Structures are given as C-alpha cells and as structure tokens.
Amino acid sequence: MKFKTLTGSTYEIDLTNKKIRRVSGLNDPTQRQGADGDWRNYDEVIPSPIEIDKSVVIYWGKDVPLLSGSPSNAIPVTMTSPVVSIEI
C-alpha cells in the first residue's frame, strides 16, 4: 500500500512484514526515516488501517536508533502530516 501526505511525502508500507519506507518527499527525510527508498522495520502504525485526513504515527523497530540525548527508555516515533491519498 502507498500513501501520500499533505507535505508531499509518499510512503510505501508492507503491512504483512511490518516494513515502511519513504519513497519521496519535498524535504529531506528524517534520520529515523532513513534514505528515501530504504525499508525500515516498524513495531506499530496508528491508525490501523491508515485513513485519509489522519496523521500516521510510526513506532519504529529496534533497528532504528534513538536520537542523541534521548533517555534510554525512549521509543523512536515519527508522526507524518495528514494523509491525503491512499493506493492499495
């Protein structure tokens, strides 16, 4: 499934294998997202299923590092801008 956000980022998500990647965007991807096109493991996405007009919250997998200065019990999370379209 692919979805596009209000800020112009396009994501592809593999719900079966719990992987997500940012395919493209107007701005550079965040450190947690990694390079465009690189698949990353996630633990959970909310909402599930993904919905138009709602931001997607990505709880990253263990392979995504914490940001410098984060407490050791922090959970790496990314919240997208609202979803404007979904392709199945």
PDB file of N, CA and C in Angstrom:
ATOM      1  N   MET A   1       0.848  -1.160   0.000  1.00  0.00           N
ATOM      2  CA  MET A   1       0.000   0.000   0.000  1.00  0.00           C
ATOM      3  C   MET A   1       0.902   1.234   0.000  1.00  0.00           C
ATOM      4  N   LYS A   2       0.485   2.276  -0.703  1.00  0.00           N
ATOM      5  CA  LYS A   2       1.178   3.558  -0.700  1.00  0.00           C
ATOM      6  C   LYS A   2       0.239   4.624  -0.171  1.00  0.00           C
ATOM      7  N   PHE A   3       0.818   5.615   0.498  1.00  0.00           N
ATOM      8  CA  PHE A   3       0.017   6.768   0.908  1.00  0.00           C
ATOM      9  C   PHE A   3       0.845   8.036   0.767  1.00  0.00           C
ATOM     10  N   LYS A   4       0.154   9.128   0.490  1.00  0.00           N
ATOM     11  CA  LYS A   4       0.790  10.434   0.325  1.00  0.00           C
ATOM     12  C   LYS A   4       0.273  11.357   1.412  1.00  0.00           C
ATOM     13  N   THR A   5       1.181  12.210   1.921  1.00  0.00           N
ATOM     14  CA  THR A   5       0.814  13.124   2.997  1.00  0.00           C
ATOM     15  C   THR A   5       0.680  14.554   2.496  1.00  0.00           C
ATOM     16  N   LEU A   6       0.097  15.388   3.323  1.00  0.00           N
ATOM     17  CA  LEU A   6      -0.153  16.783   3.000  1.00  0.00           C
ATOM     18  C   LEU A   6       1.122  17.539   2.615  1.00  0.00           C
ATOM     19  N   THR A   7       2.252  17.190   3.217  1.00  0.00           N
ATOM     20  CA  THR A   7       3.506  17.881   2.912  1.00  0.00           C
ATOM     21  C   THR A   7       4.199  17.340   1.663  1.00  0.00           C
ATOM     22  N   GLY A   8       3.570  16.365   0.990  1.00  0.00           N
ATOM     23  CA  GLY A   8       4.106  15.863  -0.273  1.00  0.00           C
ATOM     24  C   GLY A   8       4.944  14.613  -0.182  1.00  0.00           C
ATOM     25  N   SER A   9       5.079  14.031   0.990  1.00  0.00           N
ATOM     26  CA  SER A   9       5.834  12.782   1.116  1.00  0.00           C
ATOM     27  C   SER A   9       4.969  11.598   0.695  1.00  0.00           C
ATOM     28  N   THR A  10       5.599  10.644   0.022  1.00  0.00           N
ATOM     29  CA  THR A  10       4.932   9.402  -0.357  1.00  0.00           C
ATOM     30  C   THR A  10       5.612   8.261   0.378  1.00  0.00           C
ATOM     31  N   TYR A  11       4.807   7.418   1.000  1.00  0.00           N
ATOM     32  CA  TYR A  11       5.299   6.269   1.757  1.00  0.00           C
ATOM     33  C   TYR A  11       4.746   4.988   1.153  1.00  0.00           C
ATOM     34  N   GLU A  12       5.508   3.928   1.294  1.00  0.00           N
ATOM     35  CA  GLU A  12       5.039   2.591   0.948  1.00  0.00           C
ATOM     36  C   GLU A  12       5.139   1.760   2.223  1.00  0.00           C
ATOM     37  N   ILE A  13       4.099   0.999   2.501  1.00  0.00           N
ATOM     38  CA  ILE A  13       4.072   0.201   3.722  1.00  0.00           C
ATOM     39  C   ILE A  13       3.741  -1.247   3.383  1.00  0.00           C
ATOM     40  N   ASP A  14       4.502  -2.157   3.971  1.00  0.00           N
ATOM     41  CA  ASP A  14       4.285  -3.590   3.839  1.00  0.00           C
ATOM     42  C   ASP A  14       3.704  -4.051   5.178  1.00  0.00           C
ATOM     43  N   LEU A  15       2.374  -4.131   5.237  1.00  0.00           N
ATOM     44  CA  LEU A  15       1.688  -4.459   6.488  1.00  0.00           C
ATOM     45  C   LEU A  15       1.979  -5.875   6.967  1.00  0.00           C
ATOM     46  N   THR A  16       2.182  -6.790   6.049  1.00  0.00           N
ATOM     47  CA  THR A  16       2.438  -8.189   6.417  1.00  0.00           C
ATOM     48  C   THR A  16       3.777  -8.340   7.124  1.00  0.00           C
ATOM     49  N   ASN A  17       4.816  -7.693   6.590  1.00  0.00           N
ATOM     50  CA  ASN A  17       6.169  -7.841   7.136  1.00  0.00           C
ATOM     51  C   ASN A  17       6.588  -6.691   8.046  1.00  0.00           C
ATOM     52  N   LYS A  18       5.660  -5.754   8.310  1.00  0.00           N
ATOM     53  CA  LYS A  18       5.900  -4.620   9.196  1.00  0.00           C
ATOM     54  C   LYS A  18       7.144  -3.830   8.782  1.00  0.00           C
ATOM     55  N   LYS A  19       7.134  -3.402   7.510  1.00  0.00           N
ATOM     56  CA  LYS A  19       8.204  -2.567   6.969  1.00  0.00           C
ATOM     57  C   LYS A  19       7.581  -1.349   6.315  1.00  0.00           C
ATOM     58  N   ILE A  20       8.291  -0.229   6.381  1.00  0.00           N
ATOM     59  CA  ILE A  20       7.805   1.009   5.777  1.00  0.00           C
ATOM     60  C   ILE A  20       9.001   1.758   5.201  1.00  0.00           C
ATOM     61  N   ARG A  21       8.745   2.510   4.143  1.00  0.00           N
ATOM     62  CA  ARG A  21       9.787   3.361   3.584  1.00  0.00           C
ATOM     63  C   ARG A  21       9.166   4.626   3.028  1.00  0.00           C
ATOM     64  N   ARG A  22       9.917   5.703   3.112  1.00  0.00           N
ATOM     65  CA  ARG A  22       9.507   6.921   2.439  1.00  0.00           C
ATOM     66  C   ARG A  22      10.063   6.819   1.033  1.00  0.00           C
ATOM     67  N   VAL A  23       9.205   6.936   0.041  1.00  0.00           N
ATOM     68  CA  VAL A  23       9.615   6.806  -1.350  1.00  0.00           C
ATOM     69  C   VAL A  23      10.160   8.135  -1.870  1.00  0.00           C
ATOM     70  N   SER A  24       9.467   9.223  -1.528  1.00  0.00           N
ATOM     71  CA  SER A  24       9.900  10.547  -1.983  1.00  0.00           C
ATOM     72  C   SER A  24       9.266  11.612  -1.110  1.00  0.00           C
ATOM     73  N   GLY A  25       9.795  12.831  -1.235  1.00  0.00           N
ATOM     74  CA  GLY A  25       9.245  13.949  -0.483  1.00  0.00           C
ATOM     75  C   GLY A  25       9.875  15.247  -0.933  1.00  0.00           C
ATOM     76  N   LEU A  26       9.255  16.355  -0.562  1.00  0.00           N
ATOM     77  CA  LEU A  26       9.771  17.664  -0.940  1.00  0.00           C
ATOM     78  C   LEU A  26      10.976  18.054  -0.085  1.00  0.00           C
ATOM     79  N   ASN A  27      10.987  17.639   1.170  1.00  0.00           N
ATOM     80  CA  ASN A  27      12.093  17.912   2.092  1.00  0.00           C
ATOM     81  C   ASN A  27      12.901  16.643   2.309  1.00  0.00           C
ATOM     82  N   ASP A  28      14.070  16.789   2.894  1.00  0.00           N
ATOM     83  CA  ASP A  28      14.895  15.620   3.200  1.00  0.00           C
ATOM     84  C   ASP A  28      14.192  14.739   4.237  1.00  0.00           C
ATOM     85  N   PRO A  29      14.399  13.417   4.161  1.00  0.00           N
ATOM     86  CA  PRO A  29      13.811  12.532   5.174  1.00  0.00           C
ATOM     87  C   PRO A  29      14.498  12.746   6.524  1.00  0.00           C
ATOM     88  N   THR A  30      13.774  12.383   7.581  1.00  0.00           N
ATOM     89  CA  THR A  30      14.361  12.490   8.913  1.00  0.00           C
ATOM     90  C   THR A  30      15.366  11.361   9.119  1.00  0.00           C
ATOM     91  N   GLN A  31      16.176  11.501  10.160  1.00  0.00           N
ATOM     92  CA  GLN A  31      17.162  10.467  10.500  1.00  0.00           C
ATOM     93  C   GLN A  31      16.474   9.123  10.743  1.00  0.00           C
ATOM     94  N   ARG A  32      15.322   9.148  11.385  1.00  0.00           N
ATOM     95  CA  ARG A  32      14.618   7.899  11.683  1.00  0.00           C
ATOM     96  C   ARG A  32      14.064   7.247  10.428  1.00  0.00           C
ATOM     97  N   GLN A  33      13.627   8.064   9.455  1.00  0.00           N
ATOM     98  CA  GLN A  33      13.087   7.512   8.216  1.00  0.00           C
ATOM     99  C   GLN A  33      14.180   6.869   7.379  1.00  0.00           C
ATOM    100  N   GLY A  34      15.380   7.374   7.473  1.00  0.00           N
ATOM    101  CA  GLY A  34      16.473   6.879   6.643  1.00  0.00           C
ATOM    102  C   GLY A  34      16.348   7.440   5.232  1.00  0.00           C
ATOM    103  N   ALA A  35      17.218   7.007   4.358  1.00  0.00           N
ATOM    104  CA  ALA A  35      17.236   7.496   2.973  1.00  0.00           C
ATOM    105  C   ALA A  35      15.957   7.072   2.247  1.00  0.00           C
ATOM    106  N   ASP A  36      15.505   7.936   1.339  1.00  0.00           N
ATOM    107  CA  ASP A  36      14.336   7.577   0.533  1.00  0.00           C
ATOM    108  C   ASP A  36      14.577   6.239  -0.149  1.00  0.00           C
ATOM    109  N   GLY A  37      13.586   5.377  -0.077  1.00  0.00           N
ATOM    110  CA  GLY A  37      13.667   4.057  -0.697  1.00  0.00           C
ATOM    111  C   GLY A  37      14.161   2.958   0.212  1.00  0.00           C
ATOM    112  N   ASP A  38      14.736   3.302   1.360  1.00  0.00           N
ATOM    113  CA  ASP A  38      15.241   2.288   2.295  1.00  0.00           C
ATOM    114  C   ASP A  38      14.105   1.794   3.195  1.00  0.00           C
ATOM    115  N   TRP A  39      13.889   0.487   3.203  1.00  0.00           N
ATOM    116  CA  TRP A  39      12.876  -0.112   4.070  1.00  0.00           C
ATOM    117  C   TRP A  39      13.361  -0.080   5.506  1.00  0.00           C
ATOM    118  N   ARG A  40      12.455   0.223   6.434  1.00  0.00           N
ATOM    119  CA  ARG A  40      12.739   0.181   7.865  1.00  0.00           C
ATOM    120  C   ARG A  40      11.662  -0.650   8.558  1.00  0.00           C
ATOM    121  N   ASN A  41      12.068  -1.384   9.572  1.00  0.00           N
ATOM    122  CA  ASN A  41      11.114  -2.151  10.369  1.00  0.00           C
ATOM    123  C   ASN A  41      10.339  -1.212  11.288  1.00  0.00           C
ATOM    124  N   TYR A  42       9.087  -1.522  11.510  1.00  0.00           N
ATOM    125  CA  TYR A  42       8.297  -0.790  12.499  1.00  0.00           C
ATOM    126  C   TYR A  42       7.598  -1.788  13.405  1.00  0.00           C
ATOM    127  N   ASP A  43       7.246  -1.344  14.598  1.00  0.00           N
ATOM    128  CA  ASP A  43       6.503  -2.187  15.535  1.00  0.00           C
ATOM    129  C   ASP A  43       4.999  -1.999  15.373  1.00  0.00           C
ATOM    130  N   GLU A  44       4.589  -0.744  15.128  1.00  0.00           N
ATOM    131  CA  GLU A  44       3.159  -0.451  15.015  1.00  0.00           C
ATOM    132  C   GLU A  44       2.961   0.859  14.267  1.00  0.00           C
ATOM    133  N   VAL A  45       1.867   0.939  13.518  1.00  0.00           N
ATOM    134  CA  VAL A  45       1.436   2.211  12.935  1.00  0.00           C
ATOM    135  C   VAL A  45       0.016   2.477  13.400  1.00  0.00           C
ATOM    136  N   ILE A  46      -0.254   3.742  13.671  1.00  0.00           N
ATOM    137  CA  ILE A  46      -1.587   4.160  14.121  1.00  0.00           C
ATOM    138  C   ILE A  46      -1.982   5.359  13.278  1.00  0.00           C
ATOM    139  N   PRO A  47      -3.169   5.439  12.723  1.00  0.00           N
ATOM    140  CA  PRO A  47      -4.246   4.464  12.877  1.00  0.00           C
ATOM    141  C   PRO A  47      -4.015   3.246  11.982  1.00  0.00           C
ATOM    142  N   SER A  48      -4.653   2.193  12.320  1.00  0.00           N
ATOM    143  CA  SER A  48      -4.617   0.980  11.507  1.00  0.00           C
ATOM    144  C   SER A  48      -6.046   0.489  11.362  1.00  0.00           C
ATOM    145  N   PRO A  49      -6.594   0.580  10.181  1.00  0.00           N
ATOM    146  CA  PRO A  49      -5.954   0.927   8.915  1.00  0.00           C
ATOM    147  C   PRO A  49      -5.700   2.428   8.797  1.00  0.00           C
ATOM    148  N   ILE A  50      -4.762   2.773   7.909  1.00  0.00           N
ATOM    149  CA  ILE A  50      -4.427   4.167   7.625  1.00  0.00           C
ATOM    150  C   ILE A  50      -5.643   4.838   6.999  1.00  0.00           C
ATOM    151  N   GLU A  51      -5.887   6.108   7.388  1.00  0.00           N
ATOM    152  CA  GLU A  51      -7.081   6.822   6.945  1.00  0.00           C
ATOM    153  C   GLU A  51      -6.730   8.188   6.368  1.00  0.00           C
ATOM    154  N   ILE A  52      -7.531   8.617   5.393  1.00  0.00           N
ATOM    155  CA  ILE A  52      -7.424   9.960   4.832  1.00  0.00           C
ATOM    156  C   ILE A  52      -7.678  10.983   5.948  1.00  0.00           C
ATOM    157  N   ASP A  53      -6.982  12.093   5.909  1.00  0.00           N
ATOM    158  CA  ASP A  53      -7.095  13.220   6.850  1.00  0.00           C
ATOM    159  C   ASP A  53      -6.524  12.936   8.239  1.00  0.00           C
ATOM    160  N   LYS A  54      -5.912  11.781   8.453  1.00  0.00           N
ATOM    161  CA  LYS A  54      -5.299  11.457   9.745  1.00  0.00           C
ATOM    162  C   LYS A  54      -3.787  11.330   9.563  1.00  0.00           C
ATOM    163  N   SER A  55      -3.028  11.831  10.524  1.00  0.00           N
ATOM    164  CA  SER A  55      -1.586  11.613  10.531  1.00  0.00           C
ATOM    165  C   SER A  55      -1.311  10.154  10.863  1.00  0.00           C
ATOM    166  N   VAL A  56      -0.193   9.639  10.373  1.00  0.00           N
ATOM    167  CA  VAL A  56       0.226   8.278  10.692  1.00  0.00           C
ATOM    168  C   VAL A  56       1.348   8.374  11.720  1.00  0.00           C
ATOM    169  N   VAL A  57       1.192   7.661  12.823  1.00  0.00           N
ATOM    170  CA  VAL A  57       2.222   7.597  13.855  1.00  0.00           C
ATOM    171  C   VAL A  57       2.936   6.266  13.683  1.00  0.00           C
ATOM    172  N   ILE A  58       4.252   6.350  13.476  1.00  0.00           N
ATOM    173  CA  ILE A  58       5.074   5.156  13.241  1.00  0.00           C
ATOM    174  C   ILE A  58       5.918   4.904  14.483  1.00  0.00           C
ATOM    175  N   TYR A  59       5.695   3.778  15.130  1.00  0.00           N
ATOM    176  CA  TYR A  59       6.529   3.324  16.239  1.00  0.00           C
ATOM    177  C   TYR A  59       7.580   2.420  15.620  1.00  0.00           C
ATOM    178  N   TRP A  60       8.813   2.903  15.582  1.00  0.00           N
ATOM    179  CA  TRP A  60       9.884   2.215  14.870  1.00  0.00           C
ATOM    180  C   TRP A  60      10.337   0.947  15.575  1.00  0.00           C
ATOM    181  N   GLY A  61      10.962   0.065  14.802  1.00  0.00           N
ATOM    182  CA  GLY A  61      11.520  -1.179  15.327  1.00  0.00           C
ATOM    183  C   GLY A  61      12.832  -0.940  16.060  1.00  0.00           C
ATOM    184  N   LYS A  62      13.365  -1.999  16.597  1.00  0.00           N
ATOM    185  CA  LYS A  62      14.579  -1.933  17.415  1.00  0.00           C
ATOM    186  C   LYS A  62      15.813  -1.496  16.622  1.00  0.00           C
ATOM    187  N   ASP A  63      15.783  -1.637  15.288  1.00  0.00           N
ATOM    188  CA  ASP A  63      16.948  -1.279  14.475  1.00  0.00           C
ATOM    189  C   ASP A  63      17.048   0.224  14.224  1.00  0.00           C
ATOM    190  N   VAL A  64      16.034   1.002  14.607  1.00  0.00           N
ATOM    191  CA  VAL A  64      16.059   2.450  14.430  1.00  0.00           C
ATOM    192  C   VAL A  64      16.589   3.070  15.722  1.00  0.00           C
ATOM    193  N   PRO A  65      17.729   3.770  15.644  1.00  0.00           N
ATOM    194  CA  PRO A  65      18.356   4.283  16.866  1.00  0.00           C
ATOM    195  C   PRO A  65      17.602   5.459  17.469  1.00  0.00           C
ATOM    196  N   LEU A  66      17.805   5.649  18.755  1.00  0.00           N
ATOM    197  CA  LEU A  66      17.278   6.827  19.440  1.00  0.00           C
ATOM    198  C   LEU A  66      18.094   8.045  19.024  1.00  0.00           C
ATOM    199  N   LEU A  67      17.476   9.205  19.086  1.00  0.00           N
ATOM    200  CA  LEU A  67      18.196  10.435  18.793  1.00  0.00           C
ATOM    201  C   LEU A  67      19.145  10.757  19.940  1.00  0.00           C
ATOM    202  N   SER A  68      20.240  11.419  19.642  1.00  0.00           N
ATOM    203  CA  SER A  68      21.230  11.790  20.642  1.00  0.00           C
ATOM    204  C   SER A  68      20.557  12.571  21.772  1.00  0.00           C
ATOM    205  N   GLY A  69      20.861  12.205  23.000  1.00  0.00           N
ATOM    206  CA  GLY A  69      20.299  12.885  24.158  1.00  0.00           C
ATOM    207  C   GLY A  69      18.970  12.316  24.640  1.00  0.00           C
ATOM    208  N   SER A  70      18.427  11.325  23.931  1.00  0.00           N
ATOM    209  CA  SER A  70      17.165  10.708  24.356  1.00  0.00           C
ATOM    210  C   SER A  70      17.392   9.828  25.574  1.00  0.00           C
ATOM    211  N   PRO A  71      16.415   9.757  26.475  1.00  0.00           N
ATOM    212  CA  PRO A  71      16.559   8.826  27.604  1.00  0.00           C
ATOM    213  C   PRO A  71      16.590   7.385  27.106  1.00  0.00           C
ATOM    214  N   SER A  72      17.216   6.518  27.850  1.00  0.00           N
ATOM    215  CA  SER A  72      17.392   5.130  27.405  1.00  0.00           C
ATOM    216  C   SER A  72      16.070   4.381  27.266  1.00  0.00           C
ATOM    217  N   ASN A  73      15.020   4.836  27.927  1.00  0.00           N
ATOM    218  CA  ASN A  73      13.729   4.152  27.834  1.00  0.00           C
ATOM    219  C   ASN A  73      12.802   4.791  26.787  1.00  0.00           C
ATOM    220  N   ALA A  74      13.338   5.729  25.991  1.00  0.00           N
ATOM    221  CA  ALA A  74      12.545   6.381  24.948  1.00  0.00           C
ATOM    222  C   ALA A  74      12.208   5.399  23.832  1.00  0.00           C
ATOM    223  N   ILE A  75      11.133   5.679  23.118  1.00  0.00           N
ATOM    224  CA  ILE A  75      10.700   4.866  21.980  1.00  0.00           C
ATOM    225  C   ILE A  75      10.778   5.740  20.736  1.00  0.00           C
ATOM    226  N   PRO A  76      11.518   5.292  19.690  1.00  0.00           N
ATOM    227  CA  PRO A  76      11.603   6.105  18.481  1.00  0.00           C
ATOM    228  C   PRO A  76      10.260   6.141  17.742  1.00  0.00           C
ATOM    229  N   VAL A  77       9.752   7.356  17.508  1.00  0.00           N
ATOM    230  CA  VAL A  77       8.433   7.557  16.904  1.00  0.00           C
ATOM    231  C   VAL A  77       8.531   8.659  15.852  1.00  0.00           C
ATOM    232  N   THR A  78       7.764   8.519  14.781  1.00  0.00           N
ATOM    233  CA  THR A  78       7.608   9.571  13.774  1.00  0.00           C
ATOM    234  C   THR A  78       6.121   9.769  13.538  1.00  0.00           C
ATOM    235  N   MET A  79       5.703  11.045  13.405  1.00  0.00           N
ATOM    236  CA  MET A  79       4.314  11.332  13.044  1.00  0.00           C
ATOM    237  C   MET A  79       4.331  12.091  11.727  1.00  0.00           C
ATOM    238  N   THR A  80       3.602  11.569  10.745  1.00  0.00           N
ATOM    239  CA  THR A  80       3.531  12.218   9.446  1.00  0.00           C
ATOM    240  C   THR A  80       2.512  13.360   9.476  1.00  0.00           C
ATOM    241  N   SER A  81       2.507  14.154   8.439  1.00  0.00           N
ATOM    242  CA  SER A  81       1.413  15.111   8.256  1.00  0.00           C
ATOM    243  C   SER A  81       0.175  14.311   7.819  1.00  0.00           C
ATOM    244  N   PRO A  82      -0.999  14.914   7.787  1.00  0.00           N
ATOM    245  CA  PRO A  82      -2.205  14.166   7.430  1.00  0.00           C
ATOM    246  C   PRO A  82      -2.120  13.508   6.040  1.00  0.00           C
ATOM    247  N   VAL A  83      -2.722  12.337   5.951  1.00  0.00           N
ATOM    248  CA  VAL A  83      -2.758  11.554   4.705  1.00  0.00           C
ATOM    249  C   VAL A  83      -3.780  12.177   3.756  1.00  0.00           C
ATOM    250  N   VAL A  84      -3.359  12.372   2.493  1.00  0.00           N
ATOM    251  CA  VAL A  84      -4.271  12.960   1.500  1.00  0.00           C
ATOM    252  C   VAL A  84      -4.723  11.950   0.450  1.00  0.00           C
ATOM    253  N   SER A  85      -3.973  10.852   0.270  1.00  0.00           N
ATOM    254  CA  SER A  85      -4.401   9.822  -0.667  1.00  0.00           C
ATOM    255  C   SER A  85      -3.796   8.477  -0.288  1.00  0.00           C
ATOM    256  N   ILE A  86      -4.504   7.407  -0.668  1.00  0.00           N
ATOM    257  CA  ILE A  86      -4.076   6.041  -0.388  1.00  0.00           C
ATOM    258  C   ILE A  86      -4.235   5.217  -1.654  1.00  0.00           C
ATOM    259  N   GLU A  87      -3.195   4.446  -2.004  1.00  0.00           N
ATOM    260  CA  GLU A  87      -3.246   3.488  -3.107  1.00  0.00           C
ATOM    261  C   GLU A  87      -3.079   2.089  -2.536  1.00  0.00           C
ATOM    262  N   ILE A  88      -3.971   1.194  -2.895  1.00  0.00           N
ATOM    263  CA  ILE A  88      -3.864  -0.172  -2.364  1.00  0.00           C
ATOM    264  C   ILE A  88      -3.192  -1.075  -3.383  1.00  0.00           C
TER     265      ILE A  88
END
